[in-house]
């Protein structure tokens, strides 16, 4: 867990913060350049950068894990029998427990991974917070599906359909190291 610290503004005391380094930005930018921008991207490619920075941080967090996202397009990291998909969103400050972690897609989805890790990446690209992890099976049992343009109880409108879970309902990131 070298290079990961607890954020002093984290009310839950379980999130891990990674300070992004210049070499991480360069690596993520190279990965973005290689993939290009998807047509109809509402982030104009910035989502790729955020996603890659999340993947880089989780790969560094999990000892002896192997990044395979550049070869395998169904999950990002392998650690033993665990096929890990990393999902990242942007934020402006330390994430709160009631914030949402999401997996976008249709209602009947059967991903090839067996573990999800969720991160938040600061808009200024200074930090990645690893907010938690969950097994694929538990995720689909505990998450809620929302259709595109549907609102949540706080009035947030979903831009795409997918499954959503509160950060507080995820496993503490540090527990994966003991499990994995």
C-alpha atoms as a PDB file:
ATOM      1  CA  UNK A   1       0.000   0.000   0.000  1.00  0.00           C
ATOM      2  CA  UNK A   2       3.002   2.197  -0.507  1.00  0.00           C
ATOM      3  CA  UNK A   3       2.000   5.537  -2.065  1.00  0.00           C
ATOM      4  CA  UNK A   4      -1.572   5.210  -0.732  1.00  0.00           C
ATOM      5  CA  UNK A   5      -2.778   7.270   2.206  1.00  0.00           C
ATOM      6  CA  UNK A   6      -5.991   7.790   4.066  1.00  0.00           C
ATOM      7  CA  UNK A   7      -7.572  11.108   3.130  1.00  0.00           C
ATOM      8  CA  UNK A   8      -7.936  13.400   6.180  1.00  0.00           C
ATOM      9  CA  UNK A   9     -11.266  14.667   4.767  1.00  0.00           C
ATOM     10  CA  UNK A  10     -12.696  11.123   4.411  1.00  0.00           C
ATOM     11  CA  UNK A  11     -15.491  10.780   6.947  1.00  0.00           C
ATOM     12  CA  UNK A  12     -15.641   6.985   6.585  1.00  0.00           C
ATOM     13  CA  UNK A  13     -11.920   6.430   7.212  1.00  0.00           C
ATOM     14  CA  UNK A  14     -11.779   3.656   4.610  1.00  0.00           C
ATOM     15  CA  UNK A  15     -11.008   5.347   1.291  1.00  0.00           C
ATOM     16  CA  UNK A  16      -7.453   5.243   0.001  1.00  0.00           C
ATOM     17  CA  UNK A  17      -5.931   8.211  -1.817  1.00  0.00           C
ATOM     18  CA  UNK A  18      -3.199   7.922  -4.403  1.00  0.00           C
ATOM     19  CA  UNK A  19      -1.334  11.010  -5.578  1.00  0.00           C
ATOM     20  CA  UNK A  20      -1.036  10.842  -9.357  1.00  0.00           C
ATOM     21  CA  UNK A  21       2.517  11.251 -10.633  1.00  0.00           C
ATOM     22  CA  UNK A  22       3.715  12.706 -13.931  1.00  0.00           C
ATOM     23  CA  UNK A  23       4.645   9.262 -15.231  1.00  0.00           C
ATOM     24  CA  UNK A  24       1.061   8.090 -14.515  1.00  0.00           C
ATOM     25  CA  UNK A  25      -0.330  10.964 -16.604  1.00  0.00           C
ATOM     26  CA  UNK A  26       2.093  10.147 -19.423  1.00  0.00           C
ATOM     27  CA  UNK A  27       1.174   6.456 -19.350  1.00  0.00           C
ATOM     28  CA  UNK A  28      -2.564   7.208 -19.277  1.00  0.00           C
ATOM     29  CA  UNK A  29      -2.182   9.694 -22.134  1.00  0.00           C
ATOM     30  CA  UNK A  30      -0.299   7.104 -24.209  1.00  0.00           C
ATOM     31  CA  UNK A  31      -3.105   4.622 -23.538  1.00  0.00           C
ATOM     32  CA  UNK A  32      -5.687   7.243 -24.575  1.00  0.00           C
ATOM     33  CA  UNK A  33      -3.797   8.067 -27.754  1.00  0.00           C
ATOM     34  CA  UNK A  34      -3.657   4.385 -28.636  1.00  0.00           C
ATOM     35  CA  UNK A  35      -7.418   3.916 -28.144  1.00  0.00           C
ATOM     36  CA  UNK A  36      -8.647   7.232 -29.528  1.00  0.00           C
ATOM     37  CA  UNK A  37     -11.953   8.942 -28.734  1.00  0.00           C
ATOM     38  CA  UNK A  38     -15.154   6.979 -29.137  1.00  0.00           C
ATOM     39  CA  UNK A  39     -17.820   8.453 -31.417  1.00  0.00           C
ATOM     40  CA  UNK A  40     -20.588  10.214 -29.413  1.00  0.00           C
ATOM     41  CA  UNK A  41     -18.376  10.482 -26.300  1.00  0.00           C
ATOM     42  CA  UNK A  42     -19.973  13.067 -24.000  1.00  0.00           C
ATOM     43  CA  UNK A  43     -16.632  13.530 -22.199  1.00  0.00           C
ATOM     44  CA  UNK A  44     -14.740  13.937 -25.508  1.00  0.00           C
ATOM     45  CA  UNK A  45     -12.172  11.356 -24.451  1.00  0.00           C
ATOM     46  CA  UNK A  46     -11.607  12.659 -20.902  1.00  0.00           C
ATOM     47  CA  UNK A  47     -13.436   9.602 -19.557  1.00  0.00           C
ATOM     48  CA  UNK A  48     -10.696   7.424 -21.021  1.00  0.00           C
ATOM     49  CA  UNK A  49      -8.016   9.383 -19.172  1.00  0.00           C
ATOM     50  CA  UNK A  50      -9.954   9.102 -15.910  1.00  0.00           C
ATOM     51  CA  UNK A  51     -10.524   5.380 -16.487  1.00  0.00           C
ATOM     52  CA  UNK A  52      -6.883   4.681 -17.236  1.00  0.00           C
ATOM     53  CA  UNK A  53      -5.713   6.615 -14.174  1.00  0.00           C
ATOM     54  CA  UNK A  54      -8.102   4.539 -12.043  1.00  0.00           C
ATOM     55  CA  UNK A  55      -6.732   1.334 -13.566  1.00  0.00           C
ATOM     56  CA  UNK A  56      -3.131   2.430 -12.994  1.00  0.00           C
ATOM     57  CA  UNK A  57      -3.848   3.225  -9.319  1.00  0.00           C
ATOM     58  CA  UNK A  58      -5.668  -0.067  -8.622  1.00  0.00           C
ATOM     59  CA  UNK A  59      -2.918  -2.031 -10.369  1.00  0.00           C
ATOM     60  CA  UNK A  60      -0.340  -0.335  -8.122  1.00  0.00           C
ATOM     61  CA  UNK A  61      -2.510  -0.940  -5.043  1.00  0.00           C
ATOM     62  CA  UNK A  62      -2.909  -4.705  -5.510  1.00  0.00           C
ATOM     63  CA  UNK A  63       0.451  -6.444  -4.960  1.00  0.00           C
ATOM     64  CA  UNK A  64       1.625  -8.750  -7.739  1.00  0.00           C
ATOM     65  CA  UNK A  65      -1.370  -7.942  -9.933  1.00  0.00           C
ATOM     66  CA  UNK A  66      -1.038  -7.864 -13.700  1.00  0.00           C
ATOM     67  CA  UNK A  67      -2.538  -5.202 -15.957  1.00  0.00           C
ATOM     68  CA  UNK A  68      -4.203  -6.833 -18.989  1.00  0.00           C
ATOM     69  CA  UNK A  69      -6.582  -4.062 -20.089  1.00  0.00           C
ATOM     70  CA  UNK A  70      -4.535  -3.352 -23.202  1.00  0.00           C
ATOM     71  CA  UNK A  71      -4.978  -6.975 -24.411  1.00  0.00           C
ATOM     72  CA  UNK A  72      -8.195  -8.178 -22.779  1.00  0.00           C
ATOM     73  CA  UNK A  73     -11.145  -5.850 -23.246  1.00  0.00           C
ATOM     74  CA  UNK A  74     -13.513  -7.495 -20.754  1.00  0.00           C
ATOM     75  CA  UNK A  75     -11.556  -6.727 -17.563  1.00  0.00           C
ATOM     76  CA  UNK A  76      -8.475  -4.739 -16.627  1.00  0.00           C
ATOM     77  CA  UNK A  77      -6.386  -6.550 -14.010  1.00  0.00           C
ATOM     78  CA  UNK A  78      -5.691 -10.147 -13.029  1.00  0.00           C
ATOM     79  CA  UNK A  79      -4.657 -11.229  -9.533  1.00  0.00           C
ATOM     80  CA  UNK A  80      -4.710 -15.003  -9.042  1.00  0.00           C
ATOM     81  CA  UNK A  81      -8.190 -16.201 -10.032  1.00  0.00           C
ATOM     82  CA  UNK A  82      -9.612 -12.689  -9.797  1.00  0.00           C
ATOM     83  CA  UNK A  83     -10.477 -10.901 -13.027  1.00  0.00           C
ATOM     84  CA  UNK A  84     -10.882  -7.293 -11.960  1.00  0.00           C
ATOM     85  CA  UNK A  85     -12.808  -4.600 -13.787  1.00  0.00           C
ATOM     86  CA  UNK A  86     -12.031  -1.040 -12.646  1.00  0.00           C
ATOM     87  CA  UNK A  87     -14.767   1.598 -12.883  1.00  0.00           C
ATOM     88  CA  UNK A  88     -13.889   5.262 -12.395  1.00  0.00           C
ATOM     89  CA  UNK A  89     -15.709   8.586 -12.182  1.00  0.00           C
ATOM     90  CA  UNK A  90     -14.487  12.143 -11.730  1.00  0.00           C
ATOM     91  CA  UNK A  91     -15.009  14.250  -8.622  1.00  0.00           C
ATOM     92  CA  UNK A  92     -14.033  17.631  -7.229  1.00  0.00           C
ATOM     93  CA  UNK A  93     -13.293  16.517  -3.651  1.00  0.00           C
ATOM     94  CA  UNK A  94     -12.964  13.441  -1.469  1.00  0.00           C
ATOM     95  CA  UNK A  95     -15.922  11.139  -2.245  1.00  0.00           C
ATOM     96  CA  UNK A  96     -18.654  10.733   0.365  1.00  0.00           C
ATOM     97  CA  UNK A  97     -20.227   7.450   1.514  1.00  0.00           C
ATOM     98  CA  UNK A  98     -23.561   8.230  -0.158  1.00  0.00           C
ATOM     99  CA  UNK A  99     -21.983   8.828  -3.604  1.00  0.00           C
ATOM    100  CA  UNK A 100     -22.751   6.246  -6.250  1.00  0.00           C
ATOM    101  CA  UNK A 101     -20.511   3.691  -7.972  1.00  0.00           C
ATOM    102  CA  UNK A 102     -21.797   2.539 -11.356  1.00  0.00           C
ATOM    103  CA  UNK A 103     -21.529  -0.072 -14.068  1.00  0.00           C
ATOM    104  CA  UNK A 104     -23.169   1.217 -17.231  1.00  0.00           C
ATOM    105  CA  UNK A 105     -24.893  -1.144 -19.613  1.00  0.00           C
ATOM    106  CA  UNK A 106     -28.113  -2.952 -20.458  1.00  0.00           C
ATOM    107  CA  UNK A 107     -30.289  -4.676 -17.859  1.00  0.00           C
ATOM    108  CA  UNK A 108     -29.206  -8.173 -18.932  1.00  0.00           C
ATOM    109  CA  UNK A 109     -25.442  -7.944 -18.701  1.00  0.00           C
ATOM    110  CA  UNK A 110     -23.041 -10.796 -17.923  1.00  0.00           C
ATOM    111  CA  UNK A 111     -19.520  -9.418 -17.552  1.00  0.00           C
ATOM    112  CA  UNK A 112     -16.437 -11.672 -17.816  1.00  0.00           C
ATOM    113  CA  UNK A 113     -14.892 -10.260 -14.620  1.00  0.00           C
ATOM    114  CA  UNK A 114     -15.592 -11.596 -11.125  1.00  0.00           C
ATOM    115  CA  UNK A 115     -14.577  -8.490  -9.130  1.00  0.00           C
ATOM    116  CA  UNK A 116     -15.281  -4.765  -9.465  1.00  0.00           C
ATOM    117  CA  UNK A 117     -13.027  -2.032  -8.059  1.00  0.00           C
ATOM    118  CA  UNK A 118     -14.377   1.515  -8.009  1.00  0.00           C
ATOM    119  CA  UNK A 119     -12.368   4.725  -8.021  1.00  0.00           C
ATOM    120  CA  UNK A 120     -12.920   8.457  -8.149  1.00  0.00           C
ATOM    121  CA  UNK A 121     -10.387  10.664  -9.934  1.00  0.00           C
ATOM    122  CA  UNK A 122     -10.095  14.364  -9.139  1.00  0.00           C
ATOM    123  CA  UNK A 123     -10.962  16.644 -12.058  1.00  0.00           C
ATOM    124  CA  UNK A 124      -7.560  18.304 -11.739  1.00  0.00           C
ATOM    125  CA  UNK A 125      -5.953  14.827 -12.144  1.00  0.00           C
ATOM    126  CA  UNK A 126      -4.065  15.098  -8.840  1.00  0.00           C
ATOM    127  CA  UNK A 127      -5.623  12.183  -6.945  1.00  0.00           C
ATOM    128  CA  UNK A 128      -7.288   8.814  -7.352  1.00  0.00           C
ATOM    129  CA  UNK A 129      -9.430   7.586  -4.479  1.00  0.00           C
ATOM    130  CA  UNK A 130      -9.977   3.846  -4.315  1.00  0.00           C
ATOM    131  CA  UNK A 131     -13.467   3.798  -2.829  1.00  0.00           C
ATOM    132  CA  UNK A 132     -14.120   0.057  -2.605  1.00  0.00           C
ATOM    133  CA  UNK A 133     -14.532  -3.302  -4.248  1.00  0.00           C
ATOM    134  CA  UNK A 134     -17.244  -5.951  -4.549  1.00  0.00           C
ATOM    135  CA  UNK A 135     -17.620  -9.362  -6.149  1.00  0.00           C
ATOM    136  CA  UNK A 136     -19.594  -9.378  -9.390  1.00  0.00           C
ATOM    137  CA  UNK A 137     -22.283 -11.605  -7.860  1.00  0.00           C
ATOM    138  CA  UNK A 138     -22.748  -9.356  -4.818  1.00  0.00           C
ATOM    139  CA  UNK A 139     -22.764  -6.265  -7.012  1.00  0.00           C
ATOM    140  CA  UNK A 140     -25.707  -7.485  -9.063  1.00  0.00           C
ATOM    141  CA  UNK A 141     -27.570  -8.586  -5.906  1.00  0.00           C
ATOM    142  CA  UNK A 142     -27.088  -5.250  -4.101  1.00  0.00           C
ATOM    143  CA  UNK A 143     -27.109  -2.679  -6.929  1.00  0.00           C
ATOM    144  CA  UNK A 144     -30.123  -0.952  -8.460  1.00  0.00           C
ATOM    145  CA  UNK A 145     -30.715  -0.677 -12.200  1.00  0.00           C
ATOM    146  CA  UNK A 146     -31.637   2.768 -13.529  1.00  0.00           C
ATOM    147  CA  UNK A 147     -32.681   3.561 -17.084  1.00  0.00           C
ATOM    148  CA  UNK A 148     -31.247   6.447 -19.078  1.00  0.00           C
ATOM    149  CA  UNK A 149     -32.925   9.751 -18.050  1.00  0.00           C
ATOM    150  CA  UNK A 150     -34.309   8.213 -14.836  1.00  0.00           C
ATOM    151  CA  UNK A 151     -33.859  10.234 -11.626  1.00  0.00           C
ATOM    152  CA  UNK A 152     -32.621   9.013  -8.265  1.00  0.00           C
ATOM    153  CA  UNK A 153     -34.035  10.090  -4.892  1.00  0.00           C
ATOM    154  CA  UNK A 154     -31.761  13.154  -4.841  1.00  0.00           C
ATOM    155  CA  UNK A 155     -32.828  14.304  -8.313  1.00  0.00           C
ATOM    156  CA  UNK A 156     -29.712  13.143 -10.185  1.00  0.00           C
ATOM    157  CA  UNK A 157     -30.574  12.209 -13.788  1.00  0.00           C
ATOM    158  CA  UNK A 158     -28.715   9.199 -15.202  1.00  0.00           C
ATOM    159  CA  UNK A 159     -27.163   9.851 -18.617  1.00  0.00           C
ATOM    160  CA  UNK A 160     -26.923   6.155 -19.486  1.00  0.00           C
ATOM    161  CA  UNK A 161     -28.621   2.990 -18.268  1.00  0.00           C
ATOM    162  CA  UNK A 162     -26.789   0.854 -15.747  1.00  0.00           C
ATOM    163  CA  UNK A 163     -26.414  -0.548 -12.258  1.00  0.00           C
ATOM    164  CA  UNK A 164     -25.658   1.649  -9.249  1.00  0.00           C
ATOM    165  CA  UNK A 165     -24.597   1.104  -5.642  1.00  0.00           C
ATOM    166  CA  UNK A 166     -23.656   3.490  -2.831  1.00  0.00           C
ATOM    167  CA  UNK A 167     -19.971   3.625  -1.933  1.00  0.00           C
ATOM    168  CA  UNK A 168     -20.840   2.715   1.666  1.00  0.00           C
ATOM    169  CA  UNK A 169     -22.192  -0.635   0.411  1.00  0.00           C
ATOM    170  CA  UNK A 170     -18.834  -1.614  -1.121  1.00  0.00           C
ATOM    171  CA  UNK A 171     -16.089  -3.559   0.669  1.00  0.00           C
ATOM    172  CA  UNK A 172     -13.236  -1.595   2.241  1.00  0.00           C
ATOM    173  CA  UNK A 173     -10.384  -1.559  -0.315  1.00  0.00           C
ATOM    174  CA  UNK A 174      -7.868  -2.811   2.244  1.00  0.00           C
ATOM    175  CA  UNK A 175      -9.854  -6.056   2.741  1.00  0.00           C
ATOM    176  CA  UNK A 176      -9.095  -7.160  -0.820  1.00  0.00           C
ATOM    177  CA  UNK A 177      -5.383  -7.359  -0.072  1.00  0.00           C
ATOM    178  CA  UNK A 178      -6.115  -9.873   2.721  1.00  0.00           C
ATOM    179  CA  UNK A 179      -8.523 -11.814   0.443  1.00  0.00           C
ATOM    180  CA  UNK A 180      -6.661 -11.576  -2.860  1.00  0.00           C
END
